[in-house]
Amino acid sequence: MAETVKPKQRARTKKFPAVIDRIEDGDMAVVILEDDTRAQLDLHVSRLPTDARSDGDHLLLTFEISADGETRTLKKIEAAPQRRAKAEDRIKQMQERLEKLSDTAGQKDFKL
C-alpha cells in the first residue's frame, strides 16, 4: 500500500492595519487591529516607531502566522501616516456634511 505524504505547511506572514487607541501610564500603548476581530494589543511604547507614538497614529503590524493558524507572532511594526491622513480627511468631510445638513456652519458647541 502506498503512503500518502502531505506537503509540510509553512508559517506565513500577514500585515494588519492598526491604530493607537491610547497611551496608558506613559509607557503602554493600547493598539486596536483594524480587522474583523478588532483585537486589542498592549505594546510597550519603546516597541513603536518613533514617528508613531501618540493617540490616533496608524500602524501596520506584520505577524507571522503558524502553519496551523493557531499562533501569531508580531514581527514588525511600521508607522502608517498616510492612513491617519485619510482618516482625518474622512472625519473632516463628515463634519462638514453634518454642519451643512443641520445648518450649523461654524458652530463648535452642540447640545446633545
N, C-alpha and C. Protein backbone atom coordinates (compact mmCIF):
# COMPACT_ATOMS: atom_id res chain seq x y z
N MET A 1 0.84 -1.16 0.00
CA MET A 1 0.00 0.00 0.00
C MET A 1 0.89 1.24 0.00
N ALA A 2 0.60 2.18 -0.89
CA ALA A 2 1.40 3.41 -0.99
C ALA A 2 1.00 4.40 0.09
N GLU A 3 2.01 5.04 0.66
CA GLU A 3 1.77 6.03 1.70
C GLU A 3 1.61 7.41 1.07
N THR A 4 0.62 8.14 1.55
CA THR A 4 0.42 9.50 1.05
C THR A 4 1.21 10.45 1.93
N VAL A 5 2.04 11.24 1.30
CA VAL A 5 2.85 12.20 2.04
C VAL A 5 2.26 13.58 1.84
N LYS A 6 1.90 14.18 2.96
CA LYS A 6 1.34 15.53 2.91
C LYS A 6 2.49 16.53 2.85
N PRO A 7 2.37 17.53 1.99
CA PRO A 7 3.41 18.55 1.98
C PRO A 7 3.38 19.32 3.31
N LYS A 8 4.56 19.62 3.83
CA LYS A 8 4.64 20.32 5.10
C LYS A 8 4.23 21.78 4.90
N GLN A 9 3.30 22.23 5.74
CA GLN A 9 2.86 23.61 5.65
C GLN A 9 3.88 24.50 6.34
N ARG A 10 4.02 25.70 5.81
CA ARG A 10 4.96 26.65 6.38
C ARG A 10 4.21 27.82 6.99
N ALA A 11 4.89 28.46 7.93
CA ALA A 11 4.32 29.67 8.51
C ALA A 11 4.26 30.73 7.43
N ARG A 12 3.33 31.66 7.57
CA ARG A 12 3.20 32.74 6.60
C ARG A 12 3.13 34.06 7.35
N THR A 13 3.36 35.13 6.64
CA THR A 13 3.25 36.44 7.27
C THR A 13 2.04 37.18 6.70
N LYS A 14 1.47 38.04 7.54
CA LYS A 14 0.32 38.83 7.11
C LYS A 14 0.39 40.19 7.79
N LYS A 15 0.05 41.24 7.04
CA LYS A 15 0.06 42.60 7.57
C LYS A 15 -1.36 43.00 7.95
N PHE A 16 -1.46 43.68 9.10
CA PHE A 16 -2.74 44.16 9.60
C PHE A 16 -2.64 45.66 9.89
N PRO A 17 -3.60 46.44 9.42
CA PRO A 17 -3.63 47.85 9.82
C PRO A 17 -4.10 47.93 11.27
N ALA A 18 -3.58 48.93 11.99
CA ALA A 18 -3.93 49.11 13.39
C ALA A 18 -3.85 50.59 13.73
N VAL A 19 -4.44 50.95 14.87
CA VAL A 19 -4.40 52.34 15.32
C VAL A 19 -4.10 52.37 16.82
N ILE A 20 -3.32 53.36 17.24
CA ILE A 20 -3.05 53.53 18.67
C ILE A 20 -4.28 54.19 19.28
N ASP A 21 -4.96 53.46 20.15
CA ASP A 21 -6.16 53.97 20.79
C ASP A 21 -5.81 54.96 21.89
N ARG A 22 -4.80 54.60 22.70
CA ARG A 22 -4.38 55.46 23.81
C ARG A 22 -3.05 54.97 24.36
N ILE A 23 -2.42 55.86 25.11
CA ILE A 23 -1.19 55.52 25.83
C ILE A 23 -1.54 55.54 27.31
N GLU A 24 -1.27 54.45 28.01
CA GLU A 24 -1.58 54.36 29.43
C GLU A 24 -0.30 54.41 30.25
N ASP A 25 -0.34 55.16 31.32
CA ASP A 25 0.79 55.28 32.26
C ASP A 25 2.08 55.74 31.58
N GLY A 26 1.95 56.37 30.43
CA GLY A 26 3.11 56.91 29.74
C GLY A 26 4.00 55.90 29.05
N ASP A 27 3.73 54.60 29.22
CA ASP A 27 4.64 53.63 28.61
C ASP A 27 3.96 52.44 27.93
N MET A 28 2.65 52.33 28.04
CA MET A 28 1.95 51.21 27.38
C MET A 28 0.95 51.76 26.36
N ALA A 29 1.11 51.31 25.12
CA ALA A 29 0.20 51.72 24.05
C ALA A 29 -0.88 50.65 23.88
N VAL A 30 -2.13 51.09 23.88
CA VAL A 30 -3.25 50.20 23.59
C VAL A 30 -3.52 50.34 22.10
N VAL A 31 -3.30 49.25 21.36
CA VAL A 31 -3.40 49.25 19.91
C VAL A 31 -4.58 48.38 19.50
N ILE A 32 -5.41 48.90 18.59
CA ILE A 32 -6.57 48.16 18.10
C ILE A 32 -6.32 47.75 16.65
N LEU A 33 -6.45 46.45 16.38
CA LEU A 33 -6.33 45.97 15.00
C LEU A 33 -7.56 46.38 14.21
N GLU A 34 -7.34 46.84 13.01
CA GLU A 34 -8.45 47.25 12.15
C GLU A 34 -8.80 46.10 11.20
N ASP A 35 -9.18 44.99 11.79
CA ASP A 35 -9.61 43.83 11.00
C ASP A 35 -10.96 43.38 11.56
N ASP A 36 -11.41 42.24 11.17
CA ASP A 36 -12.71 41.74 11.62
C ASP A 36 -12.76 41.49 13.12
N THR A 37 -11.62 41.20 13.73
CA THR A 37 -11.61 40.86 15.15
C THR A 37 -11.61 42.08 16.06
N ARG A 38 -11.07 43.21 15.55
CA ARG A 38 -10.91 44.43 16.37
C ARG A 38 -10.17 44.10 17.66
N ALA A 39 -9.21 43.18 17.57
CA ALA A 39 -8.44 42.75 18.73
C ALA A 39 -7.62 43.90 19.30
N GLN A 40 -7.38 43.84 20.58
CA GLN A 40 -6.61 44.86 21.29
C GLN A 40 -5.27 44.28 21.72
N LEU A 41 -4.20 45.04 21.46
CA LEU A 41 -2.86 44.64 21.88
C LEU A 41 -2.31 45.71 22.80
N ASP A 42 -1.59 45.31 23.83
CA ASP A 42 -0.89 46.24 24.70
C ASP A 42 0.60 46.11 24.38
N LEU A 43 1.18 47.20 23.88
CA LEU A 43 2.59 47.19 23.49
C LEU A 43 3.34 48.27 24.25
N HIS A 44 4.55 47.97 24.65
CA HIS A 44 5.38 48.99 25.29
C HIS A 44 5.72 50.05 24.24
N VAL A 45 5.66 51.31 24.65
CA VAL A 45 5.89 52.43 23.73
C VAL A 45 7.25 52.30 23.03
N SER A 46 8.22 51.73 23.70
CA SER A 46 9.55 51.59 23.10
C SER A 46 9.54 50.70 21.86
N ARG A 47 8.52 49.87 21.68
CA ARG A 47 8.42 48.99 20.50
C ARG A 47 7.83 49.71 19.30
N LEU A 48 7.24 50.89 19.54
CA LEU A 48 6.59 51.64 18.46
C LEU A 48 7.61 52.44 17.67
N PRO A 49 7.33 52.68 16.38
CA PRO A 49 8.21 53.56 15.60
C PRO A 49 8.23 54.96 16.22
N THR A 50 9.34 55.65 16.12
CA THR A 50 9.45 56.98 16.74
C THR A 50 8.47 57.98 16.14
N ASP A 51 8.03 57.77 14.91
CA ASP A 51 7.09 58.70 14.29
C ASP A 51 5.63 58.26 14.46
N ALA A 52 5.37 57.35 15.37
CA ALA A 52 4.00 56.91 15.65
C ALA A 52 3.90 56.53 17.13
N ARG A 53 3.78 57.54 17.98
CA ARG A 53 3.74 57.27 19.42
C ARG A 53 2.66 58.06 20.14
N SER A 54 1.60 58.42 19.42
CA SER A 54 0.53 59.15 20.10
C SER A 54 -0.84 58.63 19.68
N ASP A 55 -1.85 58.98 20.47
CA ASP A 55 -3.22 58.55 20.21
C ASP A 55 -3.62 58.88 18.77
N GLY A 56 -4.23 57.91 18.10
CA GLY A 56 -4.72 58.14 16.75
C GLY A 56 -3.71 57.84 15.65
N ASP A 57 -2.46 57.60 16.02
CA ASP A 57 -1.47 57.27 14.99
C ASP A 57 -1.77 55.88 14.43
N HIS A 58 -1.58 55.75 13.14
CA HIS A 58 -1.87 54.49 12.46
C HIS A 58 -0.59 53.69 12.26
N LEU A 59 -0.74 52.38 12.33
CA LEU A 59 0.38 51.44 12.23
C LEU A 59 0.07 50.35 11.22
N LEU A 60 1.09 49.67 10.80
CA LEU A 60 0.96 48.46 10.01
C LEU A 60 1.75 47.38 10.75
N LEU A 61 1.05 46.37 11.25
CA LEU A 61 1.67 45.31 12.04
C LEU A 61 1.84 44.06 11.17
N THR A 62 3.04 43.50 11.18
CA THR A 62 3.30 42.27 10.43
C THR A 62 3.41 41.12 11.43
N PHE A 63 2.57 40.11 11.22
CA PHE A 63 2.56 38.93 12.08
C PHE A 63 3.02 37.72 11.28
N GLU A 64 3.72 36.82 11.96
CA GLU A 64 3.98 35.51 11.40
C GLU A 64 2.90 34.60 11.95
N ILE A 65 2.21 33.92 11.06
CA ILE A 65 1.10 33.03 11.47
C ILE A 65 1.56 31.60 11.26
N SER A 66 1.44 30.81 12.32
CA SER A 66 1.90 29.42 12.25
C SER A 66 1.13 28.65 11.19
N ALA A 67 1.71 27.54 10.76
CA ALA A 67 1.11 26.73 9.70
C ALA A 67 -0.29 26.27 10.07
N ASP A 68 -0.52 26.00 11.36
CA ASP A 68 -1.85 25.55 11.77
C ASP A 68 -2.80 26.72 12.05
N GLY A 69 -2.29 27.96 11.95
CA GLY A 69 -3.12 29.14 12.16
C GLY A 69 -3.41 29.46 13.61
N GLU A 70 -2.83 28.71 14.51
CA GLU A 70 -3.11 28.88 15.94
C GLU A 70 -2.28 29.97 16.61
N THR A 71 -1.10 30.26 16.08
CA THR A 71 -0.20 31.19 16.75
C THR A 71 0.16 32.35 15.83
N ARG A 72 0.06 33.57 16.38
CA ARG A 72 0.50 34.77 15.67
C ARG A 72 1.65 35.38 16.47
N THR A 73 2.74 35.67 15.78
CA THR A 73 3.89 36.30 16.42
C THR A 73 4.14 37.64 15.74
N LEU A 74 4.14 38.71 16.53
CA LEU A 74 4.38 40.03 15.99
C LEU A 74 5.83 40.15 15.55
N LYS A 75 6.06 40.45 14.28
CA LYS A 75 7.41 40.50 13.73
C LYS A 75 7.87 41.92 13.42
N LYS A 76 6.94 42.81 13.03
CA LYS A 76 7.36 44.14 12.60
C LYS A 76 6.23 45.14 12.85
N ILE A 77 6.62 46.36 13.25
CA ILE A 77 5.67 47.45 13.46
C ILE A 77 6.14 48.64 12.63
N GLU A 78 5.28 49.12 11.74
CA GLU A 78 5.62 50.25 10.89
C GLU A 78 4.61 51.38 11.10
N ALA A 79 5.08 52.61 11.00
CA ALA A 79 4.17 53.75 11.03
C ALA A 79 3.44 53.82 9.69
N ALA A 80 2.20 54.28 9.73
CA ALA A 80 1.40 54.41 8.50
C ALA A 80 0.72 55.79 8.49
N PRO A 81 1.53 56.86 8.38
CA PRO A 81 0.97 58.21 8.45
C PRO A 81 -0.06 58.51 7.36
N GLN A 82 0.06 57.89 6.20
CA GLN A 82 -0.90 58.12 5.13
C GLN A 82 -2.29 57.63 5.52
N ARG A 83 -2.37 56.57 6.33
CA ARG A 83 -3.67 56.06 6.78
C ARG A 83 -4.31 57.06 7.74
N ARG A 84 -3.50 57.69 8.61
CA ARG A 84 -4.05 58.69 9.53
C ARG A 84 -4.57 59.89 8.74
N ALA A 85 -3.82 60.32 7.75
CA ALA A 85 -4.24 61.47 6.93
C ALA A 85 -5.57 61.18 6.24
N LYS A 86 -5.74 59.97 5.73
CA LYS A 86 -7.01 59.60 5.09
C LYS A 86 -8.15 59.60 6.10
N ALA A 87 -7.89 59.09 7.31
CA ALA A 87 -8.92 59.07 8.35
C ALA A 87 -9.31 60.49 8.74
N GLU A 88 -8.33 61.39 8.88
CA GLU A 88 -8.62 62.78 9.21
C GLU A 88 -9.45 63.44 8.13
N ASP A 89 -9.15 63.14 6.86
CA ASP A 89 -9.93 63.69 5.74
C ASP A 89 -11.38 63.21 5.80
N ARG A 90 -11.58 61.91 6.09
CA ARG A 90 -12.95 61.37 6.19
C ARG A 90 -13.72 62.04 7.31
N ILE A 91 -13.07 62.26 8.45
CA ILE A 91 -13.74 62.91 9.59
C ILE A 91 -14.11 64.34 9.23
N LYS A 92 -13.20 65.06 8.59
CA LYS A 92 -13.48 66.44 8.20
C LYS A 92 -14.67 66.49 7.24
N GLN A 93 -14.70 65.59 6.27
CA GLN A 93 -15.81 65.55 5.32
C GLN A 93 -17.14 65.28 6.03
N MET A 94 -17.12 64.36 7.01
CA MET A 94 -18.35 64.06 7.75
C MET A 94 -18.79 65.26 8.57
N GLN A 95 -17.84 65.96 9.20
CA GLN A 95 -18.19 67.14 9.98
C GLN A 95 -18.80 68.22 9.10
N GLU A 96 -18.20 68.45 7.94
CA GLU A 96 -18.73 69.45 7.01
C GLU A 96 -20.13 69.07 6.54
N ARG A 97 -20.33 67.80 6.27
CA ARG A 97 -21.65 67.33 5.83
C ARG A 97 -22.69 67.51 6.93
N LEU A 98 -22.32 67.18 8.17
CA LEU A 98 -23.25 67.36 9.29
C LEU A 98 -23.59 68.83 9.51
N GLU A 99 -22.57 69.70 9.40
CA GLU A 99 -22.82 71.14 9.54
C GLU A 99 -23.80 71.62 8.48
N LYS A 100 -23.61 71.15 7.26
CA LYS A 100 -24.48 71.56 6.15
C LYS A 100 -25.90 71.05 6.35
N LEU A 101 -26.03 69.79 6.76
CA LEU A 101 -27.35 69.20 6.96
C LEU A 101 -28.10 69.82 8.13
N SER A 102 -27.36 70.23 9.16
CA SER A 102 -28.02 70.76 10.36
C SER A 102 -28.04 72.29 10.39
N ASP A 103 -27.51 72.91 9.33
CA ASP A 103 -27.49 74.37 9.23
C ASP A 103 -26.78 75.01 10.43
N THR A 104 -25.64 74.45 10.80
CA THR A 104 -24.87 74.95 11.95
C THR A 104 -23.45 75.28 11.54
N ALA A 105 -23.28 75.85 10.37
CA ALA A 105 -21.94 76.16 9.86
C ALA A 105 -21.15 76.99 10.86
N GLY A 106 -19.95 76.54 11.16
CA GLY A 106 -19.05 77.26 12.05
C GLY A 106 -19.29 77.00 13.53
N GLN A 107 -20.39 76.37 13.88
CA GLN A 107 -20.68 76.12 15.30
C GLN A 107 -19.79 75.00 15.82
N LYS A 108 -19.22 75.22 17.00
CA LYS A 108 -18.33 74.22 17.58
C LYS A 108 -18.93 73.50 18.76
N ASP A 109 -19.88 74.13 19.47
CA ASP A 109 -20.52 73.53 20.65
C ASP A 109 -21.92 73.07 20.27
N PHE A 110 -22.23 71.82 20.60
CA PHE A 110 -23.54 71.28 20.29
C PHE A 110 -24.14 70.69 21.56
N LYS A 111 -25.43 70.90 21.74
CA LYS A 111 -26.14 70.28 22.86
C LYS A 111 -26.64 68.93 22.38
N LEU A 112 -26.44 67.93 23.21
CA LEU A 112 -26.92 66.60 22.85
C LEU A 112 -28.18 66.27 23.61
